[in-house]
Amino acid sequence: MPIFVLDVGCGIRKQPGAIGIDRNPASRPDVLVDLDQFPYPFADNSFDRITAIHVIEHLNDVIRAMEEFHRLLRPGGTLRIETPHYTDYSSFCDPTHKNHLNSFSFRY
Protein backbone atom coordinates (compact mmCIF):
# COMPACT_ATOMS: atom_id res chain seq x y z
CA MET A 1 0.00 0.00 0.00
CA PRO A 2 1.46 3.42 -0.90
CA ILE A 3 2.39 5.91 1.80
CA PHE A 4 0.83 9.34 1.36
CA VAL A 5 3.00 12.26 2.45
CA LEU A 6 2.03 15.93 2.71
CA ASP A 7 4.87 18.46 2.58
CA VAL A 8 3.46 21.65 4.13
CA GLY A 9 5.27 24.77 2.96
CA CYS A 10 7.26 22.67 0.52
CA GLY A 11 9.14 25.56 -1.05
CA ILE A 12 11.34 24.75 -4.02
CA ARG A 13 12.67 21.54 -2.43
CA LYS A 14 9.55 19.42 -2.19
CA GLN A 15 10.14 15.94 -0.83
CA PRO A 16 10.18 13.37 -3.63
CA GLY A 17 6.87 11.54 -3.81
CA ALA A 18 5.08 13.96 -1.48
CA ILE A 19 2.17 16.24 -2.22
CA GLY A 20 3.56 19.73 -1.75
CA ILE A 21 1.48 22.67 -0.60
CA ASP A 22 2.75 26.21 -0.37
CA ARG A 23 1.46 29.77 -0.51
CA ASN A 24 4.16 30.92 -2.91
CA PRO A 25 3.43 30.18 -6.58
CA ALA A 26 7.15 30.49 -7.37
CA SER A 27 7.65 27.29 -5.34
CA ARG A 28 5.54 25.46 -7.91
CA PRO A 29 3.67 23.40 -5.30
CA ASP A 30 1.26 20.65 -6.27
CA VAL A 31 -1.48 22.64 -4.55
CA LEU A 32 -1.29 26.40 -4.07
CA VAL A 33 -2.76 27.12 -0.63
CA ASP A 34 -2.83 30.04 1.78
CA LEU A 35 -1.33 28.11 4.70
CA ASP A 36 -3.15 30.38 7.18
CA GLN A 37 -6.58 29.44 5.76
CA PHE A 38 -8.16 26.28 7.15
CA PRO A 39 -9.20 23.67 6.33
CA TYR A 40 -6.65 22.63 3.75
CA PRO A 41 -8.26 21.06 0.65
CA PHE A 42 -7.89 17.41 1.69
CA ALA A 43 -10.22 14.91 3.34
CA ASP A 44 -9.81 13.78 6.94
CA ASN A 45 -7.21 11.05 7.52
CA SER A 46 -5.64 11.52 4.08
CA PHE A 47 -1.95 11.24 4.98
CA ASP A 48 0.40 8.76 6.61
CA ARG A 49 3.02 11.45 7.17
CA ILE A 50 3.04 15.23 7.30
CA THR A 51 6.18 17.34 7.33
CA ALA A 52 6.41 21.04 8.10
CA ILE A 53 10.07 22.05 7.92
CA HIS A 54 10.65 25.66 8.97
CA VAL A 55 7.01 26.52 8.32
CA ILE A 56 4.98 26.89 11.51
CA GLU A 57 6.97 29.85 12.78
CA HIS A 58 5.55 31.73 9.78
CA LEU A 59 1.89 30.85 10.45
CA ASN A 60 -0.60 33.10 12.22
CA ASP A 61 -2.15 30.36 14.38
CA VAL A 62 0.12 27.48 15.37
CA ILE A 63 -2.58 25.77 17.43
CA ARG A 64 -5.04 25.79 14.53
CA ALA A 65 -2.31 24.44 12.24
CA MET A 66 -1.62 21.60 14.69
CA GLU A 67 -5.33 20.80 14.79
CA GLU A 68 -5.38 20.73 10.99
CA PHE A 69 -2.38 18.40 10.87
CA HIS A 70 -4.19 16.11 13.32
CA ARG A 71 -7.29 16.13 11.12
CA LEU A 72 -5.29 15.23 8.02
CA LEU A 73 -3.20 12.45 9.58
CA ARG A 74 -4.40 8.88 9.50
CA PRO A 75 -4.46 7.03 12.84
CA GLY A 76 -0.86 6.05 13.59
CA GLY A 77 0.47 8.67 11.17
CA THR A 78 3.56 10.73 11.89
CA LEU A 79 4.12 14.46 11.99
CA ARG A 80 7.59 15.94 11.59
CA ILE A 81 8.07 19.58 12.48
CA GLU A 82 11.31 21.52 12.44
CA THR A 83 11.48 25.12 13.60
CA PRO A 84 14.19 27.37 15.00
CA HIS A 85 14.41 27.28 18.80
CA TYR A 86 13.41 30.60 20.31
CA THR A 87 16.89 31.07 21.82
CA ASP A 88 18.59 30.77 18.44
CA TYR A 89 19.40 34.14 16.90
CA SER A 90 17.97 32.94 13.58
CA SER A 91 14.55 32.80 15.22
CA PHE A 92 14.59 36.58 15.52
CA CYS A 93 16.54 37.50 12.37
CA ASP A 94 13.78 36.62 9.93
CA PRO A 95 11.08 39.31 9.94
CA THR A 96 8.55 36.80 8.56
CA HIS A 97 8.70 34.72 11.77
CA LYS A 98 5.45 35.29 13.62
CA ASN A 99 6.09 32.74 16.39
CA HIS A 100 9.11 31.90 18.51
CA LEU A 101 8.80 28.32 19.72
CA ASN A 102 10.48 25.82 22.00
CA SER A 103 9.88 22.21 23.05
CA PHE A 104 7.12 23.28 25.46
CA SER A 105 5.20 24.90 22.62
CA PHE A 106 4.13 21.47 21.39
CA ARG A 107 2.59 20.20 24.63
CA TYR A 108 -0.80 21.43 23.50
PDB file of N, CA and C in Angstrom:
ATOM      1  N   MET A   1       0.849  -1.175   0.000  1.00  0.00           N
ATOM      2  CA  MET A   1       0.000   0.000   0.000  1.00  0.00           C
ATOM      3  C   MET A   1       0.897   1.241   0.000  1.00  0.00           C
ATOM      4  N   PRO A   2       0.608   2.221  -0.842  1.00  0.00           N
ATOM      5  CA  PRO A   2       1.457   3.420  -0.899  1.00  0.00           C
ATOM      6  C   PRO A   2       1.322   4.262   0.369  1.00  0.00           C
ATOM      7  N   ILE A   3       2.384   4.981   0.675  1.00  0.00           N
ATOM      8  CA  ILE A   3       2.388   5.914   1.796  1.00  0.00           C
ATOM      9  C   ILE A   3       2.132   7.303   1.226  1.00  0.00           C
ATOM     10  N   PHE A   4       1.185   8.006   1.815  1.00  0.00           N
ATOM     11  CA  PHE A   4       0.832   9.338   1.356  1.00  0.00           C
ATOM     12  C   PHE A   4       1.450  10.372   2.287  1.00  0.00           C
ATOM     13  N   VAL A   5       2.250  11.261   1.691  1.00  0.00           N
ATOM     14  CA  VAL A   5       2.996  12.263   2.447  1.00  0.00           C
ATOM     15  C   VAL A   5       2.562  13.655   1.999  1.00  0.00           C
ATOM     16  N   LEU A   6       2.331  14.529   2.980  1.00  0.00           N
ATOM     17  CA  LEU A   6       2.030  15.930   2.712  1.00  0.00           C
ATOM     18  C   LEU A   6       3.211  16.768   3.175  1.00  0.00           C
ATOM     19  N   ASP A   7       3.751  17.566   2.282  1.00  0.00           N
ATOM     20  CA  ASP A   7       4.870  18.461   2.577  1.00  0.00           C
ATOM     21  C   ASP A   7       4.308  19.880   2.661  1.00  0.00           C
ATOM     22  N   VAL A   8       4.071  20.336   3.893  1.00  0.00           N
ATOM     23  CA  VAL A   8       3.465  21.648   4.134  1.00  0.00           C
ATOM     24  C   VAL A   8       4.537  22.729   4.015  1.00  0.00           C
ATOM     25  N   GLY A   9       4.279  23.724   3.188  1.00  0.00           N
ATOM     26  CA  GLY A   9       5.274  24.770   2.961  1.00  0.00           C
ATOM     27  C   GLY A   9       6.479  24.219   2.236  1.00  0.00           C
ATOM     28  N   CYS A  10       6.217  23.454   1.199  1.00  0.00           N
ATOM     29  CA  CYS A  10       7.259  22.671   0.524  1.00  0.00           C
ATOM     30  C   CYS A  10       8.383  23.510  -0.056  1.00  0.00           C
ATOM     31  N   GLY A  11       8.102  24.745  -0.424  1.00  0.00           N
ATOM     32  CA  GLY A  11       9.138  25.557  -1.047  1.00  0.00           C
ATOM     33  C   GLY A  11       9.610  24.930  -2.346  1.00  0.00           C
ATOM     34  N   ILE A  12      10.819  25.263  -2.754  1.00  0.00           N
ATOM     35  CA  ILE A  12      11.339  24.749  -4.025  1.00  0.00           C
ATOM     36  C   ILE A  12      11.972  23.373  -3.883  1.00  0.00           C
ATOM     37  N   ARG A  13      12.048  22.855  -2.660  1.00  0.00           N
ATOM     38  CA  ARG A  13      12.672  21.543  -2.429  1.00  0.00           C
ATOM     39  C   ARG A  13      11.657  20.541  -1.884  1.00  0.00           C
ATOM     40  N   LYS A  14      10.581  20.371  -2.609  1.00  0.00           N
ATOM     41  CA  LYS A  14       9.548  19.424  -2.192  1.00  0.00           C
ATOM     42  C   LYS A  14      10.139  18.030  -2.064  1.00  0.00           C
ATOM     43  N   GLN A  15       9.685  17.322  -1.024  1.00  0.00           N
ATOM     44  CA  GLN A  15      10.136  15.944  -0.834  1.00  0.00           C
ATOM     45  C   GLN A  15       9.683  15.086  -2.009  1.00  0.00           C
ATOM     46  N   PRO A  16      10.565  14.262  -2.531  1.00  0.00           N
ATOM     47  CA  PRO A  16      10.177  13.368  -3.627  1.00  0.00           C
ATOM     48  C   PRO A  16       9.008  12.469  -3.211  1.00  0.00           C
ATOM     49  N   GLY A  17       8.014  12.394  -4.058  1.00  0.00           N
ATOM     50  CA  GLY A  17       6.866  11.537  -3.812  1.00  0.00           C
ATOM     51  C   GLY A  17       5.790  12.149  -2.940  1.00  0.00           C
ATOM     52  N   ALA A  18       6.055  13.310  -2.354  1.00  0.00           N
ATOM     53  CA  ALA A  18       5.079  13.959  -1.478  1.00  0.00           C
ATOM     54  C   ALA A  18       4.163  14.868  -2.288  1.00  0.00           C
ATOM     55  N   ILE A  19       3.026  15.188  -1.695  1.00  0.00           N
ATOM     56  CA  ILE A  19       2.166  16.240  -2.219  1.00  0.00           C
ATOM     57  C   ILE A  19       2.617  17.518  -1.531  1.00  0.00           C
ATOM     58  N   GLY A  20       3.058  18.477  -2.309  1.00  0.00           N
ATOM     59  CA  GLY A  20       3.559  19.725  -1.748  1.00  0.00           C
ATOM     60  C   GLY A  20       2.517  20.816  -1.786  1.00  0.00           C
ATOM     61  N   ILE A  21       2.350  21.496  -0.637  1.00  0.00           N
ATOM     62  CA  ILE A  21       1.480  22.667  -0.599  1.00  0.00           C
ATOM     63  C   ILE A  21       2.311  23.857  -0.135  1.00  0.00           C
ATOM     64  N   ASP A  22       2.023  24.998  -0.725  1.00  0.00           N
ATOM     65  CA  ASP A  22       2.748  26.212  -0.373  1.00  0.00           C
ATOM     66  C   ASP A  22       1.897  27.401  -0.778  1.00  0.00           C
ATOM     67  N   ARG A  23       2.186  28.546  -0.173  1.00  0.00           N
ATOM     68  CA  ARG A  23       1.457  29.772  -0.512  1.00  0.00           C
ATOM     69  C   ARG A  23       2.138  30.552  -1.624  1.00  0.00           C
ATOM     70  N   ASN A  24       3.363  30.185  -1.933  1.00  0.00           N
ATOM     71  CA  ASN A  24       4.157  30.920  -2.911  1.00  0.00           C
ATOM     72  C   ASN A  24       4.106  30.215  -4.269  1.00  0.00           C
ATOM     73  N   PRO A  25       3.495  30.833  -5.269  1.00  0.00           N
ATOM     74  CA  PRO A  25       3.426  30.177  -6.579  1.00  0.00           C
ATOM     75  C   PRO A  25       4.797  29.920  -7.200  1.00  0.00           C
ATOM     76  N   ALA A  26       5.805  30.700  -6.833  1.00  0.00           N
ATOM     77  CA  ALA A  26       7.154  30.487  -7.368  1.00  0.00           C
ATOM     78  C   ALA A  26       7.738  29.156  -6.912  1.00  0.00           C
ATOM     79  N   SER A  27       7.197  28.602  -5.826  1.00  0.00           N
ATOM     80  CA  SER A  27       7.649  27.292  -5.342  1.00  0.00           C
ATOM     81  C   SER A  27       7.149  26.152  -6.213  1.00  0.00           C
ATOM     82  N   ARG A  28       6.163  26.453  -7.038  1.00  0.00           N
ATOM     83  CA  ARG A  28       5.540  25.457  -7.909  1.00  0.00           C
ATOM     84  C   ARG A  28       5.021  24.257  -7.118  1.00  0.00           C
ATOM     85  N   PRO A  29       4.213  24.509  -6.083  1.00  0.00           N
ATOM     86  CA  PRO A  29       3.671  23.399  -5.301  1.00  0.00           C
ATOM     87  C   PRO A  29       2.637  22.619  -6.110  1.00  0.00           C
ATOM     88  N   ASP A  30       2.336  21.424  -5.641  1.00  0.00           N
ATOM     89  CA  ASP A  30       1.261  20.647  -6.270  1.00  0.00           C
ATOM     90  C   ASP A  30      -0.079  21.340  -6.061  1.00  0.00           C
ATOM     91  N   VAL A  31      -0.246  21.927  -4.872  1.00  0.00           N
ATOM     92  CA  VAL A  31      -1.477  22.641  -4.546  1.00  0.00           C
ATOM     93  C   VAL A  31      -1.085  23.993  -3.949  1.00  0.00           C
ATOM     94  N   LEU A  32      -1.545  25.054  -4.571  1.00  0.00           N
ATOM     95  CA  LEU A  32      -1.295  26.404  -4.073  1.00  0.00           C
ATOM     96  C   LEU A  32      -2.336  26.708  -3.000  1.00  0.00           C
ATOM     97  N   VAL A  33      -1.873  26.962  -1.780  1.00  0.00           N
ATOM     98  CA  VAL A  33      -2.765  27.115  -0.632  1.00  0.00           C
ATOM     99  C   VAL A  33      -2.267  28.265   0.236  1.00  0.00           C
ATOM    100  N   ASP A  34      -3.185  29.090   0.725  1.00  0.00           N
ATOM    101  CA  ASP A  34      -2.830  30.038   1.782  1.00  0.00           C
ATOM    102  C   ASP A  34      -2.742  29.211   3.062  1.00  0.00           C
ATOM    103  N   LEU A  35      -1.545  29.021   3.566  1.00  0.00           N
ATOM    104  CA  LEU A  35      -1.330  28.115   4.697  1.00  0.00           C
ATOM    105  C   LEU A  35      -1.968  28.611   5.987  1.00  0.00           C
ATOM    106  N   ASP A  36      -2.445  29.852   6.010  1.00  0.00           N
ATOM    107  CA  ASP A  36      -3.151  30.381   7.175  1.00  0.00           C
ATOM    108  C   ASP A  36      -4.661  30.225   7.057  1.00  0.00           C
ATOM    109  N   GLN A  37      -5.143  29.649   5.960  1.00  0.00           N
ATOM    110  CA  GLN A  37      -6.578  29.439   5.764  1.00  0.00           C
ATOM    111  C   GLN A  37      -6.898  27.957   5.919  1.00  0.00           C
ATOM    112  N   PHE A  38      -7.782  27.659   6.856  1.00  0.00           N
ATOM    113  CA  PHE A  38      -8.157  26.279   7.152  1.00  0.00           C
ATOM    114  C   PHE A  38      -9.628  26.090   6.824  1.00  0.00           C
ATOM    115  N   PRO A  39     -10.016  24.878   6.462  1.00  0.00           N
ATOM    116  CA  PRO A  39      -9.201  23.666   6.331  1.00  0.00           C
ATOM    117  C   PRO A  39      -8.445  23.654   5.006  1.00  0.00           C
ATOM    118  N   TYR A  40      -7.378  22.863   5.000  1.00  0.00           N
ATOM    119  CA  TYR A  40      -6.654  22.627   3.754  1.00  0.00           C
ATOM    120  C   TYR A  40      -7.524  21.722   2.875  1.00  0.00           C
ATOM    121  N   PRO A  41      -7.335  21.734   1.566  1.00  0.00           N
ATOM    122  CA  PRO A  41      -8.258  21.056   0.646  1.00  0.00           C
ATOM    123  C   PRO A  41      -8.040  19.543   0.521  1.00  0.00           C
ATOM    124  N   PHE A  42      -8.053  18.866   1.668  1.00  0.00           N
ATOM    125  CA  PHE A  42      -7.892  17.413   1.689  1.00  0.00           C
ATOM    126  C   PHE A  42      -8.880  16.831   2.692  1.00  0.00           C
ATOM    127  N   ALA A  43      -9.284  15.598   2.442  1.00  0.00           N
ATOM    128  CA  ALA A  43     -10.215  14.913   3.336  1.00  0.00           C
ATOM    129  C   ALA A  43      -9.525  14.516   4.639  1.00  0.00           C
ATOM    130  N   ASP A  44     -10.325  14.286   5.663  1.00  0.00           N
ATOM    131  CA  ASP A  44      -9.811  13.784   6.941  1.00  0.00           C
ATOM    132  C   ASP A  44      -9.018  12.500   6.707  1.00  0.00           C
ATOM    133  N   ASN A  45      -7.995  12.297   7.526  1.00  0.00           N
ATOM    134  CA  ASN A  45      -7.211  11.048   7.523  1.00  0.00           C
ATOM    135  C   ASN A  45      -6.620  10.721   6.149  1.00  0.00           C
ATOM    136  N   SER A  46      -6.159  11.723   5.438  1.00  0.00           N
ATOM    137  CA  SER A  46      -5.638  11.522   4.082  1.00  0.00           C
ATOM    138  C   SER A  46      -4.174  11.116   4.019  1.00  0.00           C
ATOM    139  N   PHE A  47      -3.402  11.378   5.087  1.00  0.00           N
ATOM    140  CA  PHE A  47      -1.952  11.236   4.981  1.00  0.00           C
ATOM    141  C   PHE A  47      -1.364  10.352   6.072  1.00  0.00           C
ATOM    142  N   ASP A  48      -0.348   9.592   5.669  1.00  0.00           N
ATOM    143  CA  ASP A  48       0.404   8.760   6.606  1.00  0.00           C
ATOM    144  C   ASP A  48       1.491   9.574   7.304  1.00  0.00           C
ATOM    145  N   ARG A  49       1.949  10.608   6.624  1.00  0.00           N
ATOM    146  CA  ARG A  49       3.022  11.446   7.172  1.00  0.00           C
ATOM    147  C   ARG A  49       2.810  12.879   6.706  1.00  0.00           C
ATOM    148  N   ILE A  50       3.061  13.805   7.626  1.00  0.00           N
ATOM    149  CA  ILE A  50       3.044  15.226   7.295  1.00  0.00           C
ATOM    150  C   ILE A  50       4.356  15.816   7.779  1.00  0.00           C
ATOM    151  N   THR A  51       4.977  16.616   6.928  1.00  0.00           N
ATOM    152  CA  THR A  51       6.176  17.339   7.335  1.00  0.00           C
ATOM    153  C   THR A  51       5.920  18.836   7.191  1.00  0.00           C
ATOM    154  N   ALA A  52       6.477  19.578   8.131  1.00  0.00           N
ATOM    155  CA  ALA A  52       6.411  21.041   8.104  1.00  0.00           C
ATOM    156  C   ALA A  52       7.785  21.530   8.561  1.00  0.00           C
ATOM    157  N   ILE A  53       8.679  21.702   7.627  1.00  0.00           N
ATOM    158  CA  ILE A  53      10.069  22.046   7.922  1.00  0.00           C
ATOM    159  C   ILE A  53      10.245  23.562   7.777  1.00  0.00           C
ATOM    160  N   HIS A  54      10.488  24.205   8.902  1.00  0.00           N
ATOM    161  CA  HIS A  54      10.647  25.663   8.969  1.00  0.00           C
ATOM    162  C   HIS A  54       9.447  26.370   8.339  1.00  0.00           C
ATOM    163  N   VAL A  55       8.261  25.972   8.831  1.00  0.00           N
ATOM    164  CA  VAL A  55       7.006  26.523   8.324  1.00  0.00           C
ATOM    165  C   VAL A  55       6.176  27.151   9.433  1.00  0.00           C
ATOM    166  N   ILE A  56       5.980  26.432  10.541  1.00  0.00           N
ATOM    167  CA  ILE A  56       4.981  26.890  11.514  1.00  0.00           C
ATOM    168  C   ILE A  56       5.327  28.215  12.169  1.00  0.00           C
ATOM    169  N   GLU A  57       6.609  28.557  12.198  1.00  0.00           N
ATOM    170  CA  GLU A  57       6.973  29.850  12.782  1.00  0.00           C
ATOM    171  C   GLU A  57       6.474  31.012  11.920  1.00  0.00           C
ATOM    172  N   HIS A  58       6.062  30.712  10.694  1.00  0.00           N
ATOM    173  CA  HIS A  58       5.548  31.734   9.778  1.00  0.00           C
ATOM    174  C   HIS A  58       4.023  31.830   9.800  1.00  0.00           C
ATOM    175  N   LEU A  59       3.348  30.897  10.474  1.00  0.00           N
ATOM    176  CA  LEU A  59       1.889  30.849  10.448  1.00  0.00           C
ATOM    177  C   LEU A  59       1.284  31.739  11.526  1.00  0.00           C
ATOM    178  N   ASN A  60       0.089  32.242  11.257  1.00  0.00           N
ATOM    179  CA  ASN A  60      -0.599  33.103  12.224  1.00  0.00           C
ATOM    180  C   ASN A  60      -1.067  32.347  13.452  1.00  0.00           C
ATOM    181  N   ASP A  61      -1.536  31.111  13.281  1.00  0.00           N
ATOM    182  CA  ASP A  61      -2.151  30.364  14.378  1.00  0.00           C
ATOM    183  C   ASP A  61      -1.570  28.952  14.430  1.00  0.00           C
ATOM    184  N   VAL A  62      -0.557  28.778  15.258  1.00  0.00           N
ATOM    185  CA  VAL A  62       0.122  27.481  15.373  1.00  0.00           C
ATOM    186  C   VAL A  62      -0.829  26.415  15.899  1.00  0.00           C
ATOM    187  N   ILE A  63      -1.656  26.759  16.864  1.00  0.00           N
ATOM    188  CA  ILE A  63      -2.584  25.772  17.432  1.00  0.00           C
ATOM    189  C   ILE A  63      -3.558  25.292  16.365  1.00  0.00           C
ATOM    190  N   ARG A  64      -4.110  26.187  15.596  1.00  0.00           N
ATOM    191  CA  ARG A  64      -5.042  25.785  14.528  1.00  0.00           C
ATOM    192  C   ARG A  64      -4.331  24.935  13.485  1.00  0.00           C
ATOM    193  N   ALA A  65      -3.087  25.262  13.184  1.00  0.00           N
ATOM    194  CA  ALA A  65      -2.314  24.444  12.241  1.00  0.00           C
ATOM    195  C   ALA A  65      -2.120  23.037  12.792  1.00  0.00           C
ATOM    196  N   MET A  66      -1.800  22.922  14.077  1.00  0.00           N
ATOM    197  CA  MET A  66      -1.621  21.601  14.687  1.00  0.00           C
ATOM    198  C   MET A  66      -2.926  20.808  14.643  1.00  0.00           C
ATOM    199  N   GLU A  67      -4.034  21.472  14.890  1.00  0.00           N
ATOM    200  CA  GLU A  67      -5.333  20.797  14.791  1.00  0.00           C
ATOM    201  C   GLU A  67      -5.593  20.324  13.363  1.00  0.00           C
ATOM    202  N   GLU A  68      -5.196  21.117  12.398  1.00  0.00           N
ATOM    203  CA  GLU A  68      -5.377  20.731  10.993  1.00  0.00           C
ATOM    204  C   GLU A  68      -4.490  19.547  10.637  1.00  0.00           C
ATOM    205  N   PHE A  69      -3.258  19.549  11.111  1.00  0.00           N
ATOM    206  CA  PHE A  69      -2.376  18.403  10.871  1.00  0.00           C
ATOM    207  C   PHE A  69      -2.992  17.144  11.471  1.00  0.00           C
ATOM    208  N   HIS A  70      -3.546  17.260  12.665  1.00  0.00           N
ATOM    209  CA  HIS A  70      -4.190  16.111  13.319  1.00  0.00           C
ATOM    210  C   HIS A  70      -5.360  15.603  12.484  1.00  0.00           C
ATOM    211  N   ARG A  71      -6.149  16.512  11.952  1.00  0.00           N
ATOM    212  CA  ARG A  71      -7.294  16.125  11.115  1.00  0.00           C
ATOM    213  C   ARG A  71      -6.842  15.375   9.870  1.00  0.00           C
ATOM    214  N   LEU A  72      -5.752  15.810   9.283  1.00  0.00           N
ATOM    215  CA  LEU A  72      -5.292  15.231   8.023  1.00  0.00           C
ATOM    216  C   LEU A  72      -4.547  13.914   8.182  1.00  0.00           C
ATOM    217  N   LEU A  73      -3.973  13.682   9.367  1.00  0.00           N
ATOM    218  CA  LEU A  73      -3.197  12.450   9.576  1.00  0.00           C
ATOM    219  C   LEU A  73      -4.098  11.250   9.808  1.00  0.00           C
ATOM    220  N   ARG A  74      -3.718  10.144   9.218  1.00  0.00           N
ATOM    221  CA  ARG A  74      -4.396   8.881   9.497  1.00  0.00           C
ATOM    222  C   ARG A  74      -4.019   8.417  10.899  1.00  0.00           C
ATOM    223  N   PRO A  75      -4.847   7.583  11.535  1.00  0.00           N
ATOM    224  CA  PRO A  75      -4.458   7.026  12.836  1.00  0.00           C
ATOM    225  C   PRO A  75      -3.101   6.323  12.715  1.00  0.00           C
ATOM    226  N   GLY A  76      -2.203   6.626  13.633  1.00  0.00           N
ATOM    227  CA  GLY A  76      -0.864   6.055  13.592  1.00  0.00           C
ATOM    228  C   GLY A  76       0.096   6.806  12.691  1.00  0.00           C
ATOM    229  N   GLY A  77      -0.376   7.875  12.047  1.00  0.00           N
ATOM    230  CA  GLY A  77       0.473   8.670  11.166  1.00  0.00           C
ATOM    231  C   GLY A  77       1.515   9.449  11.950  1.00  0.00           C
ATOM    232  N   THR A  78       2.492   9.982  11.233  1.00  0.00           N
ATOM    233  CA  THR A  78       3.562  10.734  11.887  1.00  0.00           C
ATOM    234  C   THR A  78       3.595  12.173  11.380  1.00  0.00           C
ATOM    235  N   LEU A  79       3.979  13.049  12.288  1.00  0.00           N
ATOM    236  CA  LEU A  79       4.121  14.463  11.991  1.00  0.00           C
ATOM    237  C   LEU A  79       5.548  14.864  12.326  1.00  0.00           C
ATOM    238  N   ARG A  80       6.226  15.457  11.366  1.00  0.00           N
ATOM    239  CA  ARG A  80       7.594  15.937  11.590  1.00  0.00           C
ATOM    240  C   ARG A  80       7.598  17.451  11.418  1.00  0.00           C
ATOM    241  N   ILE A  81       7.989  18.126  12.496  1.00  0.00           N
ATOM    242  CA  ILE A  81       8.070  19.581  12.481  1.00  0.00           C
ATOM    243  C   ILE A  81       9.488  19.975  12.848  1.00  0.00           C
ATOM    244  N   GLU A  82      10.043  20.895  12.087  1.00  0.00           N
ATOM    245  CA  GLU A  82      11.312  21.521  12.445  1.00  0.00           C
ATOM    246  C   GLU A  82      11.080  23.021  12.444  1.00  0.00           C
ATOM    247  N   THR A  83      11.614  23.675  13.475  1.00  0.00           N
ATOM    248  CA  THR A  83      11.480  25.117  13.603  1.00  0.00           C
ATOM    249  C   THR A  83      12.653  25.637  14.411  1.00  0.00           C
ATOM    250  N   PRO A  84      13.091  26.858  14.188  1.00  0.00           N
ATOM    251  CA  PRO A  84      14.186  27.374  14.998  1.00  0.00           C
ATOM    252  C   PRO A  84      13.770  27.482  16.466  1.00  0.00           C
ATOM    253  N   HIS A  85      14.665  27.117  17.374  1.00  0.00           N
ATOM    254  CA  HIS A  85      14.413  27.280  18.804  1.00  0.00           C
ATOM    255  C   HIS A  85      14.404  28.769  19.116  1.00  0.00           C
ATOM    256  N   TYR A  86      13.555  29.171  20.036  1.00  0.00           N
ATOM    257  CA  TYR A  86      13.414  30.599  20.310  1.00  0.00           C
ATOM    258  C   TYR A  86      14.694  31.258  20.809  1.00  0.00           C
ATOM    259  N   THR A  87      15.634  30.476  21.345  1.00  0.00           N
ATOM    260  CA  THR A  87      16.886  31.072  21.817  1.00  0.00           C
ATOM    261  C   THR A  87      17.922  31.235  20.707  1.00  0.00           C
ATOM    262  N   ASP A  88      17.665  30.657  19.566  1.00  0.00           N
ATOM    263  CA  ASP A  88      18.595  30.771  18.442  1.00  0.00           C
ATOM    264  C   ASP A  88      18.409  32.136  17.776  1.00  0.00           C
ATOM    265  N   TYR A  89      19.499  32.799  17.498  1.00  0.00           N
ATOM    266  CA  TYR A  89      19.405  34.136  16.897  1.00  0.00           C
ATOM    267  C   TYR A  89      18.621  34.117  15.590  1.00  0.00           C
ATOM    268  N   SER A  90      18.676  33.004  14.860  1.00  0.00           N
ATOM    269  CA  SER A  90      17.966  32.940  13.576  1.00  0.00           C
ATOM    270  C   SER A  90      16.459  33.030  13.757  1.00  0.00           C
ATOM    271  N   SER A  91      15.977  32.690  14.950  1.00  0.00           N
ATOM    272  CA  SER A  91      14.552  32.799  15.219  1.00  0.00           C
ATOM    273  C   SER A  91      14.084  34.248  15.129  1.00  0.00           C
ATOM    274  N   PHE A  92      14.956  35.163  15.493  1.00  0.00           N
ATOM    275  CA  PHE A  92      14.588  36.578  15.516  1.00  0.00           C
ATOM    276  C   PHE A  92      15.084  37.359  14.305  1.00  0.00           C
ATOM    277  N   CYS A  93      15.956  36.778  13.522  1.00  0.00           N
ATOM    278  CA  CYS A  93      16.537  37.496  12.374  1.00  0.00           C
ATOM    279  C   CYS A  93      15.608  37.573  11.172  1.00  0.00           C
ATOM    280  N   ASP A  94      14.674  36.662  11.082  1.00  0.00           N
ATOM    281  CA  ASP A  94      13.777  36.623   9.930  1.00  0.00           C
ATOM    282  C   ASP A  94      12.508  37.400  10.267  1.00  0.00           C
ATOM    283  N   PRO A  95      12.256  38.513   9.611  1.00  0.00           N
ATOM    284  CA  PRO A  95      11.075  39.313   9.944  1.00  0.00           C
ATOM    285  C   PRO A  95       9.751  38.629   9.598  1.00  0.00           C
ATOM    286  N   THR A  96       9.796  37.520   8.868  1.00  0.00           N
ATOM    287  CA  THR A  96       8.554  36.798   8.560  1.00  0.00           C
ATOM    288  C   THR A  96       8.186  35.792   9.642  1.00  0.00           C
ATOM    289  N   HIS A  97       9.034  35.618  10.658  1.00  0.00           N
ATOM    290  CA  HIS A  97       8.701  34.725  11.770  1.00  0.00           C
ATOM    291  C   HIS A  97       7.664  35.407  12.657  1.00  0.00           C
ATOM    292  N   LYS A  98       6.528  34.767  12.794  1.00  0.00           N
ATOM    293  CA  LYS A  98       5.448  35.293  13.625  1.00  0.00           C
ATOM    294  C   LYS A  98       5.425  34.643  14.997  1.00  0.00           C
ATOM    295  N   ASN A  99       6.087  33.496  15.138  1.00  0.00           N
ATOM    296  CA  ASN A  99       6.087  32.738  16.391  1.00  0.00           C
ATOM    297  C   ASN A  99       7.505  32.323  16.727  1.00  0.00           C
ATOM    298  N   HIS A 100       7.819  32.355  18.013  1.00  0.00           N
ATOM    299  CA  HIS A 100       9.114  31.902  18.513  1.00  0.00           C
ATOM    300  C   HIS A 100       8.806  30.742  19.451  1.00  0.00           C
ATOM    301  N   LEU A 101       9.253  29.548  19.083  1.00  0.00           N
ATOM    302  CA  LEU A 101       8.799  28.318  19.719  1.00  0.00           C
ATOM    303  C   LEU A 101       9.933  27.590  20.417  1.00  0.00           C
ATOM    304  N   ASN A 102       9.535  26.720  21.352  1.00  0.00           N
ATOM    305  CA  ASN A 102      10.483  25.816  22.000  1.00  0.00           C
ATOM    306  C   ASN A 102       9.787  24.482  22.221  1.00  0.00           C
ATOM    307  N   SER A 103      10.449  23.556  22.884  1.00  0.00           N
ATOM    308  CA  SER A 103       9.879  22.211  23.053  1.00  0.00           C
ATOM    309  C   SER A 103       8.573  22.231  23.843  1.00  0.00           C
ATOM    310  N   PHE A 104       8.365  23.196  24.703  1.00  0.00           N
ATOM    311  CA  PHE A 104       7.119  23.277  25.464  1.00  0.00           C
ATOM    312  C   PHE A 104       5.950  23.751  24.604  1.00  0.00           C
ATOM    313  N   SER A 105       6.246  24.389  23.501  1.00  0.00           N
ATOM    314  CA  SER A 105       5.197  24.899  22.623  1.00  0.00           C
ATOM    315  C   SER A 105       4.328  23.785  22.055  1.00  0.00           C
ATOM    316  N   PHE A 106       4.842  22.574  22.022  1.00  0.00           N
ATOM    317  CA  PHE A 106       4.126  21.467  21.388  1.00  0.00           C
ATOM    318  C   PHE A 106       3.415  20.573  22.392  1.00  0.00           C
ATOM    319  N   ARG A 107       3.285  21.007  23.615  1.00  0.00           N
ATOM    320  CA  ARG A 107       2.592  20.205  24.626  1.00  0.00           C
ATOM    321  C   ARG A 107       1.091  20.408  24.586  1.00  0.00           C
ATOM    322  N   TYR A 108       0.626  21.214  23.685  1.00  0.00           N
ATOM    323  CA  TYR A 108      -0.803  21.433  23.499  1.00  0.00           C
ATOM    324  C   TYR A 108      -1.441  20.137  23.129  1.00  0.00           C
TER     325      TYR A 108
END
